[in-house]
């Protein structure tokens, strides 16, 4: 845990871009978490849970949509600690790259969720 504290202090003093990206990722993942929890819709018997090129949209239960809040928690918590670990082991360049990929994954998850909600 000391390593994480030292890395956060070092990032705060020398790498403000990484710190801003980490805060952006946490805020986006909190937004995804809130958005996905609001739209779980447990009263609905059947919801659209996926899309396949051959079969079109797949139906399922609302429990299958719990994957989206779990993804939000993964992106928010685990990816933040992974960023600190990557910064400690590989440096700032790789940490920035990882944060960019995580931001793209969060935005892609938003797009998939909105698309599924639009069809349901």
N, C-alpha and C. Protein backbone atom coordinates (compact mmCIF):
# COMPACT_ATOMS: atom_id res chain seq x y z
N UNK A 1 0.82 -1.19 0.00
CA UNK A 1 0.00 0.00 0.00
C UNK A 1 0.87 1.26 0.00
N UNK A 2 2.06 1.16 0.58
CA UNK A 2 2.96 2.31 0.57
C UNK A 2 3.40 2.68 -0.83
N UNK A 3 3.55 1.65 -1.68
CA UNK A 3 3.97 1.90 -3.05
C UNK A 3 2.92 2.74 -3.77
N UNK A 4 1.63 2.43 -3.53
CA UNK A 4 0.57 3.19 -4.17
C UNK A 4 0.56 4.63 -3.68
N UNK A 5 0.79 4.84 -2.39
CA UNK A 5 0.82 6.21 -1.85
C UNK A 5 1.99 7.00 -2.44
N UNK A 6 3.14 6.35 -2.54
CA UNK A 6 4.30 7.02 -3.12
C UNK A 6 4.08 7.35 -4.59
N UNK A 7 3.48 6.41 -5.32
CA UNK A 7 3.21 6.65 -6.74
C UNK A 7 2.20 7.77 -6.94
N UNK A 8 1.17 7.81 -6.10
CA UNK A 8 0.19 8.90 -6.21
C UNK A 8 0.85 10.24 -5.93
N UNK A 9 1.71 10.29 -4.91
CA UNK A 9 2.41 11.53 -4.60
C UNK A 9 3.33 11.94 -5.75
N UNK A 10 4.02 10.98 -6.34
CA UNK A 10 4.91 11.28 -7.47
C UNK A 10 4.11 11.75 -8.69
N UNK A 11 2.99 11.10 -8.95
CA UNK A 11 2.14 11.52 -10.08
C UNK A 11 1.59 12.91 -9.83
N UNK A 12 1.20 13.20 -8.60
CA UNK A 12 0.67 14.52 -8.27
C UNK A 12 1.69 15.61 -8.50
N UNK A 13 2.93 15.35 -8.16
CA UNK A 13 3.97 16.38 -8.28
C UNK A 13 4.57 16.50 -9.67
N UNK A 14 4.64 15.39 -10.42
CA UNK A 14 5.36 15.47 -11.69
C UNK A 14 4.51 15.17 -12.93
N UNK A 15 3.47 14.40 -12.81
CA UNK A 15 2.69 13.97 -13.98
C UNK A 15 1.23 14.37 -13.82
N UNK A 16 0.95 15.64 -14.04
CA UNK A 16 -0.43 16.12 -13.87
C UNK A 16 -1.38 15.57 -14.92
N UNK A 17 -0.87 15.25 -16.11
CA UNK A 17 -1.72 14.68 -17.16
C UNK A 17 -2.25 13.31 -16.79
N UNK A 18 -1.40 12.51 -16.18
CA UNK A 18 -1.83 11.18 -15.74
C UNK A 18 -2.85 11.32 -14.62
N UNK A 19 -2.62 12.25 -13.71
CA UNK A 19 -3.56 12.47 -12.62
C UNK A 19 -4.92 12.92 -13.15
N UNK A 20 -4.91 13.83 -14.11
CA UNK A 20 -6.17 14.30 -14.70
C UNK A 20 -6.88 13.16 -15.43
N UNK A 21 -6.13 12.32 -16.12
CA UNK A 21 -6.73 11.17 -16.81
C UNK A 21 -7.30 10.16 -15.83
N UNK A 22 -6.62 9.95 -14.72
CA UNK A 22 -7.14 9.04 -13.70
C UNK A 22 -8.44 9.57 -13.12
N UNK A 23 -8.49 10.85 -12.84
CA UNK A 23 -9.71 11.46 -12.32
C UNK A 23 -10.82 11.39 -13.35
N UNK A 24 -10.51 11.64 -14.63
CA UNK A 24 -11.50 11.53 -15.70
C UNK A 24 -12.05 10.10 -15.79
N UNK A 25 -11.17 9.11 -15.72
CA UNK A 25 -11.62 7.71 -15.77
C UNK A 25 -12.52 7.36 -14.59
N UNK A 26 -12.17 7.85 -13.41
CA UNK A 26 -13.00 7.58 -12.24
C UNK A 26 -14.36 8.24 -12.39
N UNK A 27 -14.39 9.47 -12.86
CA UNK A 27 -15.67 10.17 -13.06
C UNK A 27 -16.52 9.50 -14.14
N UNK A 28 -15.89 9.09 -15.24
CA UNK A 28 -16.64 8.39 -16.29
C UNK A 28 -17.18 7.05 -15.80
N UNK A 29 -16.39 6.35 -15.03
CA UNK A 29 -16.87 5.06 -14.52
C UNK A 29 -17.98 5.24 -13.49
N UNK A 30 -17.93 6.30 -12.69
CA UNK A 30 -19.04 6.60 -11.77
C UNK A 30 -20.29 6.94 -12.56
N UNK A 31 -20.13 7.71 -13.64
CA UNK A 31 -21.27 8.02 -14.50
C UNK A 31 -21.85 6.77 -15.14
N UNK A 32 -20.98 5.88 -15.60
CA UNK A 32 -21.45 4.62 -16.18
C UNK A 32 -22.15 3.76 -15.13
N UNK A 33 -21.63 3.74 -13.92
CA UNK A 33 -22.25 2.97 -12.85
C UNK A 33 -23.65 3.49 -12.55
N UNK A 34 -23.78 4.79 -12.39
CA UNK A 34 -25.08 5.39 -12.09
C UNK A 34 -26.05 5.17 -13.25
N UNK A 35 -25.59 5.41 -14.48
CA UNK A 35 -26.44 5.24 -15.65
C UNK A 35 -26.91 3.80 -15.81
N UNK A 36 -26.01 2.86 -15.58
CA UNK A 36 -26.38 1.46 -15.76
C UNK A 36 -27.29 0.97 -14.63
N UNK A 37 -27.11 1.46 -13.42
CA UNK A 37 -27.99 1.06 -12.33
C UNK A 37 -29.38 1.64 -12.51
N UNK A 38 -29.46 2.88 -12.97
CA UNK A 38 -30.76 3.51 -13.20
C UNK A 38 -31.55 2.74 -14.26
N UNK A 39 -30.87 2.23 -15.27
CA UNK A 39 -31.55 1.57 -16.38
C UNK A 39 -31.57 0.05 -16.29
N UNK A 40 -31.40 -0.51 -15.08
CA UNK A 40 -31.48 -1.97 -14.95
C UNK A 40 -32.87 -2.50 -15.25
N UNK A 41 -33.92 -1.83 -14.83
CA UNK A 41 -35.31 -2.16 -15.12
C UNK A 41 -35.67 -3.59 -14.71
N UNK A 42 -35.69 -3.87 -13.39
CA UNK A 42 -36.01 -5.23 -12.94
C UNK A 42 -37.48 -5.62 -13.16
N UNK A 43 -38.36 -4.67 -13.47
CA UNK A 43 -39.77 -4.99 -13.71
C UNK A 43 -39.99 -5.63 -15.08
N UNK A 44 -39.05 -5.44 -15.97
CA UNK A 44 -39.20 -5.96 -17.32
C UNK A 44 -38.86 -7.45 -17.35
N UNK A 45 -39.71 -8.21 -18.01
CA UNK A 45 -39.48 -9.65 -18.11
C UNK A 45 -38.38 -9.96 -19.11
N UNK A 46 -38.34 -9.23 -20.23
CA UNK A 46 -37.37 -9.49 -21.29
C UNK A 46 -36.72 -8.17 -21.69
N UNK A 47 -35.40 -8.17 -21.76
CA UNK A 47 -34.65 -7.00 -22.21
C UNK A 47 -33.67 -7.44 -23.28
N UNK A 48 -33.19 -6.50 -24.05
CA UNK A 48 -32.15 -6.78 -25.05
C UNK A 48 -30.81 -6.82 -24.33
N UNK A 49 -30.11 -7.94 -24.47
CA UNK A 49 -28.85 -8.09 -23.73
C UNK A 49 -27.63 -8.14 -24.63
N UNK A 50 -27.83 -8.26 -25.93
CA UNK A 50 -26.68 -8.34 -26.82
C UNK A 50 -27.11 -8.22 -28.26
N UNK A 51 -26.10 -8.10 -29.11
CA UNK A 51 -26.35 -7.97 -30.54
C UNK A 51 -25.41 -8.92 -31.28
N UNK A 52 -25.98 -9.67 -32.18
CA UNK A 52 -25.19 -10.54 -33.04
C UNK A 52 -25.48 -10.22 -34.49
N UNK A 53 -24.48 -10.30 -35.33
CA UNK A 53 -24.66 -9.97 -36.75
C UNK A 53 -25.65 -10.89 -37.44
N UNK A 54 -25.65 -12.14 -37.07
CA UNK A 54 -26.52 -13.10 -37.75
C UNK A 54 -27.93 -13.09 -37.16
N UNK A 55 -28.03 -13.13 -35.85
CA UNK A 55 -29.34 -13.28 -35.22
C UNK A 55 -30.01 -11.99 -34.81
N UNK A 56 -29.35 -10.87 -34.95
CA UNK A 56 -29.92 -9.60 -34.48
C UNK A 56 -29.77 -9.47 -32.97
N UNK A 57 -30.70 -8.78 -32.36
CA UNK A 57 -30.64 -8.57 -30.91
C UNK A 57 -31.08 -9.82 -30.17
N UNK A 58 -30.38 -10.11 -29.06
CA UNK A 58 -30.71 -11.26 -28.23
C UNK A 58 -31.49 -10.80 -27.01
N UNK A 59 -32.52 -11.57 -26.67
CA UNK A 59 -33.31 -11.26 -25.48
C UNK A 59 -32.77 -12.02 -24.29
N UNK A 60 -33.00 -11.45 -23.11
CA UNK A 60 -32.59 -12.10 -21.87
C UNK A 60 -33.29 -11.43 -20.71
N UNK A 61 -32.88 -11.75 -19.51
CA UNK A 61 -33.49 -11.14 -18.34
C UNK A 61 -32.66 -9.93 -17.91
N UNK A 62 -33.24 -9.14 -17.03
CA UNK A 62 -32.56 -7.93 -16.58
C UNK A 62 -31.32 -8.27 -15.76
N UNK A 63 -31.25 -9.49 -15.21
CA UNK A 63 -30.09 -9.89 -14.41
C UNK A 63 -28.82 -9.91 -15.28
N UNK A 64 -28.98 -10.20 -16.56
CA UNK A 64 -27.83 -10.20 -17.46
C UNK A 64 -27.23 -8.80 -17.64
N UNK A 65 -28.02 -7.78 -17.38
CA UNK A 65 -27.54 -6.41 -17.52
C UNK A 65 -26.68 -5.96 -16.33
N UNK A 66 -26.53 -6.82 -15.32
CA UNK A 66 -25.67 -6.49 -14.18
C UNK A 66 -24.21 -6.42 -14.62
N UNK A 67 -23.92 -6.94 -15.79
CA UNK A 67 -22.55 -6.87 -16.30
C UNK A 67 -22.09 -5.43 -16.47
N UNK A 68 -22.99 -4.52 -16.79
CA UNK A 68 -22.60 -3.13 -17.00
C UNK A 68 -22.17 -2.43 -15.71
N UNK A 69 -22.91 -2.56 -14.59
CA UNK A 69 -22.38 -1.99 -13.35
C UNK A 69 -21.07 -2.64 -12.90
N UNK A 70 -20.93 -3.94 -13.16
CA UNK A 70 -19.68 -4.61 -12.80
C UNK A 70 -18.51 -4.09 -13.65
N UNK A 71 -18.77 -3.83 -14.91
CA UNK A 71 -17.74 -3.22 -15.76
C UNK A 71 -17.36 -1.83 -15.26
N UNK A 72 -18.36 -1.06 -14.83
CA UNK A 72 -18.08 0.28 -14.31
C UNK A 72 -17.20 0.21 -13.07
N UNK A 73 -17.49 -0.72 -12.18
CA UNK A 73 -16.65 -0.88 -10.99
C UNK A 73 -15.24 -1.33 -11.35
N UNK A 74 -15.15 -2.23 -12.32
CA UNK A 74 -13.84 -2.69 -12.76
C UNK A 74 -13.02 -1.55 -13.35
N UNK A 75 -13.66 -0.78 -14.22
CA UNK A 75 -12.94 0.34 -14.84
C UNK A 75 -12.56 1.40 -13.81
N UNK A 76 -13.41 1.62 -12.83
CA UNK A 76 -13.14 2.67 -11.85
C UNK A 76 -12.11 2.29 -10.82
N UNK A 77 -12.25 1.12 -10.24
CA UNK A 77 -11.40 0.74 -9.11
C UNK A 77 -10.16 -0.02 -9.57
N UNK A 78 -10.37 -1.12 -10.25
CA UNK A 78 -9.25 -1.99 -10.58
C UNK A 78 -8.31 -1.32 -11.58
N UNK A 79 -8.86 -0.62 -12.57
CA UNK A 79 -8.00 0.02 -13.56
C UNK A 79 -7.21 1.18 -12.97
N UNK A 80 -7.72 1.82 -11.93
CA UNK A 80 -6.94 2.87 -11.27
C UNK A 80 -5.73 2.26 -10.58
N UNK A 81 -5.94 1.16 -9.87
CA UNK A 81 -4.80 0.50 -9.22
C UNK A 81 -3.84 -0.09 -10.26
N UNK A 82 -4.38 -0.60 -11.36
CA UNK A 82 -3.51 -1.10 -12.42
C UNK A 82 -2.68 0.03 -13.03
N UNK A 83 -3.27 1.20 -13.16
CA UNK A 83 -2.53 2.35 -13.69
C UNK A 83 -1.36 2.69 -12.78
N UNK A 84 -1.60 2.69 -11.47
CA UNK A 84 -0.51 2.98 -10.53
C UNK A 84 0.58 1.91 -10.61
N UNK A 85 0.17 0.68 -10.76
CA UNK A 85 1.15 -0.41 -10.88
C UNK A 85 1.96 -0.29 -12.17
N UNK A 86 1.27 0.03 -13.26
CA UNK A 86 1.95 0.20 -14.54
C UNK A 86 2.89 1.38 -14.48
N UNK A 87 2.46 2.47 -13.84
CA UNK A 87 3.33 3.64 -13.69
C UNK A 87 4.59 3.28 -12.91
N UNK A 88 4.43 2.50 -11.88
CA UNK A 88 5.57 2.12 -11.05
C UNK A 88 6.53 1.20 -11.82
N UNK A 89 5.99 0.27 -12.60
CA UNK A 89 6.82 -0.72 -13.30
C UNK A 89 7.32 -0.25 -14.66
N UNK A 90 6.47 0.42 -15.44
CA UNK A 90 6.78 0.72 -16.84
C UNK A 90 6.98 2.20 -17.16
N UNK A 91 6.53 3.08 -16.27
CA UNK A 91 6.74 4.50 -16.52
C UNK A 91 5.48 5.22 -16.97
N UNK A 92 5.65 6.51 -17.23
CA UNK A 92 4.50 7.35 -17.51
C UNK A 92 3.91 7.12 -18.90
N UNK A 93 4.72 6.79 -19.88
CA UNK A 93 4.21 6.57 -21.23
C UNK A 93 3.22 5.43 -21.31
N UNK A 94 3.57 4.32 -20.70
CA UNK A 94 2.68 3.16 -20.71
C UNK A 94 1.44 3.42 -19.86
N UNK A 95 1.58 4.16 -18.76
CA UNK A 95 0.42 4.49 -17.92
C UNK A 95 -0.55 5.38 -18.69
N UNK A 96 -0.03 6.34 -19.45
CA UNK A 96 -0.91 7.19 -20.27
C UNK A 96 -1.62 6.37 -21.33
N UNK A 97 -0.91 5.46 -21.95
CA UNK A 97 -1.52 4.59 -22.96
C UNK A 97 -2.63 3.74 -22.35
N UNK A 98 -2.38 3.18 -21.18
CA UNK A 98 -3.39 2.38 -20.50
C UNK A 98 -4.61 3.21 -20.15
N UNK A 99 -4.41 4.45 -19.71
CA UNK A 99 -5.54 5.32 -19.38
C UNK A 99 -6.35 5.68 -20.62
N UNK A 100 -5.69 5.87 -21.74
CA UNK A 100 -6.40 6.17 -22.99
C UNK A 100 -7.25 4.97 -23.40
N UNK A 101 -6.69 3.79 -23.30
CA UNK A 101 -7.43 2.57 -23.65
C UNK A 101 -8.62 2.39 -22.70
N UNK A 102 -8.43 2.65 -21.41
CA UNK A 102 -9.51 2.52 -20.45
C UNK A 102 -10.63 3.52 -20.74
N UNK A 103 -10.26 4.74 -21.09
CA UNK A 103 -11.27 5.75 -21.45
C UNK A 103 -12.06 5.30 -22.67
N UNK A 104 -11.37 4.74 -23.66
CA UNK A 104 -12.06 4.24 -24.85
C UNK A 104 -13.01 3.09 -24.50
N UNK A 105 -12.59 2.21 -23.60
CA UNK A 105 -13.45 1.11 -23.17
C UNK A 105 -14.70 1.61 -22.44
N UNK A 106 -14.53 2.61 -21.60
CA UNK A 106 -15.68 3.16 -20.89
C UNK A 106 -16.66 3.80 -21.86
N UNK A 107 -16.15 4.59 -22.80
CA UNK A 107 -17.03 5.23 -23.78
C UNK A 107 -17.68 4.19 -24.69
N UNK A 108 -16.97 3.15 -25.05
CA UNK A 108 -17.56 2.06 -25.84
C UNK A 108 -18.65 1.34 -25.08
N UNK A 109 -18.45 1.16 -23.78
CA UNK A 109 -19.48 0.52 -22.96
C UNK A 109 -20.72 1.39 -22.88
N UNK A 110 -20.53 2.72 -22.76
CA UNK A 110 -21.67 3.63 -22.81
C UNK A 110 -22.43 3.47 -24.12
N UNK A 111 -21.72 3.42 -25.23
CA UNK A 111 -22.37 3.30 -26.54
C UNK A 111 -23.15 2.00 -26.66
N UNK A 112 -22.58 0.90 -26.21
CA UNK A 112 -23.28 -0.39 -26.28
C UNK A 112 -24.52 -0.37 -25.40
N UNK A 113 -24.40 0.18 -24.20
CA UNK A 113 -25.54 0.22 -23.29
C UNK A 113 -26.66 1.09 -23.85
N UNK A 114 -26.32 2.24 -24.40
CA UNK A 114 -27.33 3.12 -24.99
C UNK A 114 -28.00 2.45 -26.17
N UNK A 115 -27.24 1.75 -26.98
CA UNK A 115 -27.80 1.05 -28.14
C UNK A 115 -28.76 -0.06 -27.72
N UNK A 116 -28.37 -0.82 -26.70
CA UNK A 116 -29.24 -1.88 -26.20
C UNK A 116 -30.51 -1.32 -25.56
N UNK A 117 -30.37 -0.21 -24.85
CA UNK A 117 -31.55 0.40 -24.23
C UNK A 117 -32.49 0.99 -25.28
N UNK A 118 -31.93 1.46 -26.37
CA UNK A 118 -32.75 2.03 -27.44
C UNK A 118 -33.58 0.98 -28.16
N UNK A 119 -33.08 -0.23 -28.20
CA UNK A 119 -33.82 -1.30 -28.88
C UNK A 119 -34.80 -2.01 -27.96
N UNK A 120 -34.60 -1.88 -26.67
CA UNK A 120 -35.46 -2.59 -25.73
C UNK A 120 -36.65 -1.84 -25.43
